[in-house]
Amino acid sequence: MIGIFDSGAGGLSVYKEIFKLLPKEKYIYFSDNAHCPYGEKSQEYIIERACAITELLMGKGCNVIVVACNTATAAAISTLRSRYDIPFIGMEPAVKPAALATRSRVVGVLATAGTLKASKYLDTKDKYTDGVKVVEHVGQGFVELVENGVLEGAEAESVVRESVRPLIEAGSDIIVLGCTHYPFLKHLVQKIAGEGVSVIDPAPAAARHLLDVARMKGLIKEDGNLQATDPKDADIELISSGDRSALERIFDLL
């Protein structure tokens, strides 16, 4: 059984990509929306929440867990891997492929404050962006938009524009989405950025990595029929630490 957790409903963007590869698996998705957002929380706080959620998911039978949150990955995944004897799949902004693909030599990164100051992100940026300028901006208000189900309209477009405009003005031809909530607003990011700008969602890469790890460790039973249907029809249990309405609202949009 595959466990997936995030600070809220944003990690459903990762679940959707995982389901395309593993439609026959059983899932538990945990939204920690009573403690959302994680972006401004301390590392100690996030580790405490990640461990509590992990123990809940393991208690329900999960044998692999996806930390479908960039901030939680940066803050807690090393602790989780050292403390629990199951595989953990994490998230990180796709800075490396963006740096390799940029033509303007300027890459924009949208992420939470927690992700942008994390050593995991900073190490990746330093290692793979030689000769490439990285322009960073916190997606201020993005998480709140998604949690409230405001994915269209003037309010959403105004909020997204405030964070995307500085990246475009700096010359970015690629924008990396560094938070799992952000793909739900990808259409607005793309609209505001324009046709000449690529927007990268790291969720598909995380899903492929999960598939590789699960196969290697024999954690999945594949029957050769990987034809995906509707992710809403999967064998999935949705759990929320707070009000379930946001989680159910976003799930219904998958």
Protein backbone atom coordinates (compact mmCIF):
# COMPACT_ATOMS: atom_id res chain seq x y z
CA MET A 1 0.00 0.00 0.00
CA ILE A 2 1.30 3.45 -0.94
CA GLY A 3 1.06 6.29 1.55
CA ILE A 4 1.16 9.89 0.36
CA PHE A 5 1.15 13.00 2.49
CA ASP A 6 1.35 16.75 2.15
CA SER A 7 0.58 19.82 4.24
CA GLY A 8 -2.74 19.95 2.41
CA ALA A 9 -4.40 18.92 -0.85
CA GLY A 10 -1.48 19.94 -3.07
CA GLY A 11 0.10 16.50 -2.99
CA LEU A 12 -2.85 15.21 -4.98
CA SER A 13 -0.97 16.60 -8.00
CA VAL A 14 1.65 13.94 -7.25
CA TYR A 15 -0.93 11.22 -6.56
CA LYS A 16 -2.48 11.91 -9.97
CA GLU A 17 0.85 11.21 -11.70
CA ILE A 18 1.52 8.11 -9.58
CA PHE A 19 -1.90 6.72 -10.41
CA LYS A 20 -1.11 6.93 -14.14
CA LEU A 21 1.73 4.45 -13.56
CA LEU A 22 0.18 2.35 -10.79
CA PRO A 23 -3.61 2.36 -11.20
CA LYS A 24 -4.05 -1.01 -9.48
CA GLU A 25 -2.38 -0.09 -6.19
CA LYS A 26 -4.04 0.81 -2.92
CA TYR A 27 -3.43 4.32 -1.60
CA ILE A 28 -3.84 6.38 1.53
CA TYR A 29 -3.58 10.14 1.15
CA PHE A 30 -3.08 12.28 4.27
CA SER A 31 -3.73 16.02 4.14
CA ASP A 32 -2.25 17.79 7.16
CA ASN A 33 -4.37 20.86 6.52
CA ALA A 34 -4.87 21.58 10.22
CA HIS A 35 -1.17 22.54 10.14
CA CYS A 36 -1.04 24.02 6.62
CA PRO A 37 0.96 25.73 5.20
CA TYR A 38 4.33 24.25 6.09
CA GLY A 39 6.33 26.92 4.24
CA GLU A 40 6.89 29.21 7.23
CA LYS A 41 7.07 26.48 9.91
CA SER A 42 10.31 25.52 11.66
CA GLN A 43 12.22 22.39 10.67
CA GLU A 44 11.58 20.86 14.08
CA TYR A 45 7.85 21.40 13.74
CA ILE A 46 7.75 19.81 10.29
CA ILE A 47 9.82 16.82 11.41
CA GLU A 48 7.40 16.25 14.28
CA ARG A 49 4.42 16.33 11.94
CA ALA A 50 6.12 14.13 9.32
CA CYS A 51 6.96 11.47 11.92
CA ALA A 52 3.44 11.47 13.35
CA ILE A 53 1.92 11.10 9.88
CA THR A 54 4.40 8.39 8.91
CA GLU A 55 3.50 6.34 11.97
CA LEU A 56 -0.20 6.70 11.17
CA LEU A 57 0.34 5.59 7.56
CA MET A 58 2.57 2.68 8.56
CA GLY A 59 -0.01 1.63 11.13
CA LYS A 60 -2.54 1.39 8.30
CA GLY A 61 -0.24 -0.88 6.29
CA CYS A 62 1.68 1.47 4.00
CA ASN A 63 5.03 -0.02 2.96
CA VAL A 64 6.27 2.96 0.95
CA ILE A 65 5.57 6.63 1.60
CA VAL A 66 5.68 9.58 -0.76
CA VAL A 67 6.46 12.87 0.94
CA ALA A 68 4.44 14.85 -1.61
CA CYS A 69 5.60 18.19 -0.28
CA ASN A 70 8.79 20.02 -1.19
CA THR A 71 9.03 21.76 2.18
CA ALA A 72 8.53 18.55 4.16
CA THR A 73 11.01 16.74 1.93
CA ALA A 74 13.65 19.37 2.56
CA ALA A 75 13.01 19.50 6.30
CA ALA A 76 12.27 15.93 7.24
CA ILE A 77 13.06 13.22 4.72
CA SER A 78 16.55 12.51 6.07
CA THR A 79 15.08 11.99 9.53
CA LEU A 80 12.32 9.77 8.17
CA ARG A 81 14.78 7.58 6.28
CA SER A 82 16.99 7.15 9.33
CA ARG A 83 14.11 6.47 11.71
CA TYR A 84 11.82 4.15 9.72
CA ASP A 85 12.65 1.02 7.77
CA ILE A 86 10.57 1.66 4.66
CA PRO A 87 11.33 3.58 1.45
CA PHE A 88 10.50 7.28 1.26
CA ILE A 89 10.11 9.16 -2.01
CA GLY A 90 10.61 12.90 -1.78
CA MET A 91 10.15 16.00 -3.91
CA GLU A 92 12.59 18.63 -5.02
CA PRO A 93 12.43 21.49 -7.52
CA ALA A 94 13.53 20.35 -10.97
CA VAL A 95 16.43 22.78 -11.11
CA LYS A 96 18.82 20.37 -12.87
CA PRO A 97 16.65 19.66 -15.97
CA ALA A 98 15.69 23.33 -16.12
CA ALA A 99 19.35 24.40 -16.08
CA LEU A 100 20.13 21.96 -18.88
CA ALA A 101 17.19 23.07 -21.02
CA THR A 102 17.21 26.86 -20.65
CA ARG A 103 18.08 28.90 -23.72
CA SER A 104 18.14 32.30 -22.04
CA ARG A 105 20.39 30.97 -19.24
CA VAL A 106 17.85 32.24 -16.73
CA VAL A 107 15.65 29.84 -14.75
CA GLY A 108 12.80 30.92 -12.53
CA VAL A 109 11.86 28.95 -9.41
CA LEU A 110 8.53 29.31 -7.62
CA ALA A 111 8.58 27.69 -4.19
CA THR A 112 7.81 28.18 -0.53
CA ALA A 113 10.18 30.06 1.73
CA GLY A 114 10.99 26.79 3.50
CA THR A 115 12.08 25.10 0.29
CA LEU A 116 14.15 28.03 -0.97
CA LYS A 117 16.25 28.20 2.19
CA ALA A 118 16.67 24.42 2.61
CA SER A 119 20.14 22.94 2.20
CA LYS A 120 18.83 20.24 -0.17
CA TYR A 121 17.61 22.87 -2.62
CA LEU A 122 20.66 25.10 -2.20
CA ASP A 123 23.03 22.18 -2.77
CA THR A 124 21.20 21.16 -5.94
CA LYS A 125 21.22 24.72 -7.24
CA ASP A 126 24.94 25.13 -6.58
CA LYS A 127 25.78 21.81 -8.21
CA TYR A 128 23.82 22.09 -11.46
CA THR A 129 23.45 25.76 -12.35
CA ASP A 130 26.96 26.80 -13.30
CA GLY A 131 26.57 29.65 -15.79
CA VAL A 132 22.81 29.80 -15.26
CA LYS A 133 21.09 32.55 -13.32
CA VAL A 134 18.40 31.28 -10.96
CA VAL A 135 15.67 33.74 -10.05
CA GLU A 136 13.56 32.72 -7.07
CA HIS A 137 10.21 33.87 -5.83
CA VAL A 138 7.86 32.63 -3.13
CA GLY A 139 4.45 31.79 -4.56
CA GLN A 140 2.78 34.08 -2.07
CA GLY A 141 -0.84 33.05 -1.61
CA PHE A 142 -0.65 30.05 -3.95
CA VAL A 143 -1.21 27.42 -1.26
CA GLU A 144 -4.16 29.32 0.15
CA LEU A 145 -5.75 29.61 -3.30
CA VAL A 146 -5.52 25.87 -3.87
CA GLU A 147 -6.74 24.93 -0.40
CA ASN A 148 -9.74 27.21 -0.92
CA GLY A 149 -10.41 25.81 -4.38
CA VAL A 150 -9.86 29.17 -6.09
CA LEU A 151 -8.13 27.99 -9.25
CA GLU A 152 -9.70 30.34 -11.78
CA GLY A 153 -10.86 33.94 -12.01
CA ALA A 154 -9.55 37.43 -11.37
CA GLU A 155 -8.43 36.80 -7.79
CA ALA A 156 -6.36 33.75 -8.66
CA GLU A 157 -4.84 35.39 -11.73
CA SER A 158 -3.89 38.50 -9.76
CA VAL A 159 -2.16 36.46 -7.03
CA VAL A 160 -0.26 34.32 -9.53
CA ARG A 161 0.77 37.32 -11.62
CA GLU A 162 2.48 38.98 -8.65
CA SER A 163 4.88 36.06 -8.30
CA VAL A 164 5.35 35.17 -11.96
CA ARG A 165 6.01 38.67 -13.30
CA PRO A 166 9.42 39.11 -11.58
CA LEU A 167 10.63 35.83 -13.06
CA ILE A 168 9.66 36.84 -16.58
CA GLU A 169 11.07 40.34 -16.19
CA ALA A 170 14.39 38.75 -15.17
CA GLY A 171 14.48 36.81 -18.46
CA SER A 172 13.40 33.32 -17.36
CA ASP A 173 12.41 31.02 -20.20
CA ILE A 174 11.72 28.12 -17.82
CA ILE A 175 9.77 28.24 -14.57
CA VAL A 176 10.11 25.41 -12.06
CA LEU A 177 7.16 24.72 -9.78
CA GLY A 178 8.73 23.97 -6.41
CA CYS A 179 5.62 23.19 -4.39
CA THR A 180 3.09 20.42 -5.01
CA HIS A 181 0.19 22.85 -4.62
CA TYR A 182 1.44 24.95 -7.51
CA PRO A 183 0.61 22.56 -10.41
CA PHE A 184 -3.07 23.21 -9.73
CA LEU A 185 -2.31 26.78 -10.84
CA LYS A 186 0.00 25.77 -13.69
CA HIS A 187 -2.49 26.91 -16.32
CA LEU A 188 -2.41 30.44 -14.87
CA VAL A 189 1.38 30.43 -14.55
CA GLN A 190 1.62 29.42 -18.21
CA LYS A 191 -0.95 31.99 -19.31
CA ILE A 192 0.86 34.81 -17.53
CA ALA A 193 4.35 33.66 -18.54
CA GLY A 194 3.46 33.29 -22.21
CA GLU A 195 3.96 30.66 -24.89
CA GLY A 196 7.73 31.00 -25.04
CA VAL A 197 8.18 29.94 -21.41
CA SER A 198 8.20 26.31 -20.26
CA VAL A 199 6.66 25.45 -16.90
CA ILE A 200 8.05 22.33 -15.20
CA ASP A 201 6.03 20.23 -12.77
CA PRO A 202 8.31 17.76 -10.91
CA ALA A 203 5.45 15.37 -10.04
CA PRO A 204 5.88 13.06 -13.08
CA ALA A 205 9.56 12.54 -12.23
CA ALA A 206 8.68 11.70 -8.61
CA ALA A 207 6.09 9.19 -9.83
CA ARG A 208 8.63 7.48 -12.08
CA HIS A 209 11.11 7.31 -9.21
CA LEU A 210 8.48 5.71 -6.99
CA LEU A 211 7.78 3.11 -9.67
CA ASP A 212 11.48 2.29 -9.98
CA VAL A 213 11.94 1.94 -6.21
CA ALA A 214 8.76 -0.08 -5.74
CA ARG A 215 9.76 -2.48 -8.51
CA MET A 216 13.30 -2.86 -7.20
CA LYS A 217 12.09 -3.68 -3.70
CA GLY A 218 9.20 -5.87 -4.83
CA LEU A 219 6.57 -3.68 -3.19
CA ILE A 220 4.02 -3.77 -5.98
CA LYS A 221 2.17 -6.50 -7.83
CA GLU A 222 1.97 -5.61 -11.49
CA ASP A 223 -0.42 -7.59 -13.66
CA GLY A 224 0.83 -6.15 -16.93
CA ASN A 225 -2.25 -3.98 -17.34
CA LEU A 226 -1.21 -0.43 -16.56
CA GLN A 227 -4.09 1.24 -18.38
CA ALA A 228 -5.02 4.19 -16.20
CA THR A 229 -8.65 5.09 -15.73
CA ASP A 230 -10.01 7.83 -13.48
CA PRO A 231 -7.85 8.63 -10.41
CA LYS A 232 -11.06 9.27 -8.48
CA ASP A 233 -12.01 5.60 -8.95
CA ALA A 234 -8.83 4.26 -7.34
CA ASP A 235 -8.72 2.24 -4.14
CA ILE A 236 -7.80 5.27 -2.04
CA GLU A 237 -8.54 6.43 1.47
CA LEU A 238 -8.49 10.18 2.05
CA ILE A 239 -7.57 11.41 5.53
CA SER A 240 -7.41 14.98 6.75
CA SER A 241 -6.14 16.39 10.05
CA GLY A 242 -8.62 19.25 9.72
CA ASP A 243 -11.65 20.16 7.63
CA ARG A 244 -12.03 17.56 4.85
CA SER A 245 -13.83 19.91 2.47
CA ALA A 246 -10.68 21.28 0.80
CA LEU A 247 -9.27 17.80 0.26
CA GLU A 248 -12.52 16.48 -1.18
CA ARG A 249 -12.97 19.56 -3.36
CA ILE A 250 -9.54 19.22 -4.98
CA PHE A 251 -9.86 15.43 -5.28
CA ASP A 252 -13.08 15.89 -7.23
CA LEU A 253 -11.18 18.09 -9.70
CA LEU A 254 -8.62 15.41 -10.60
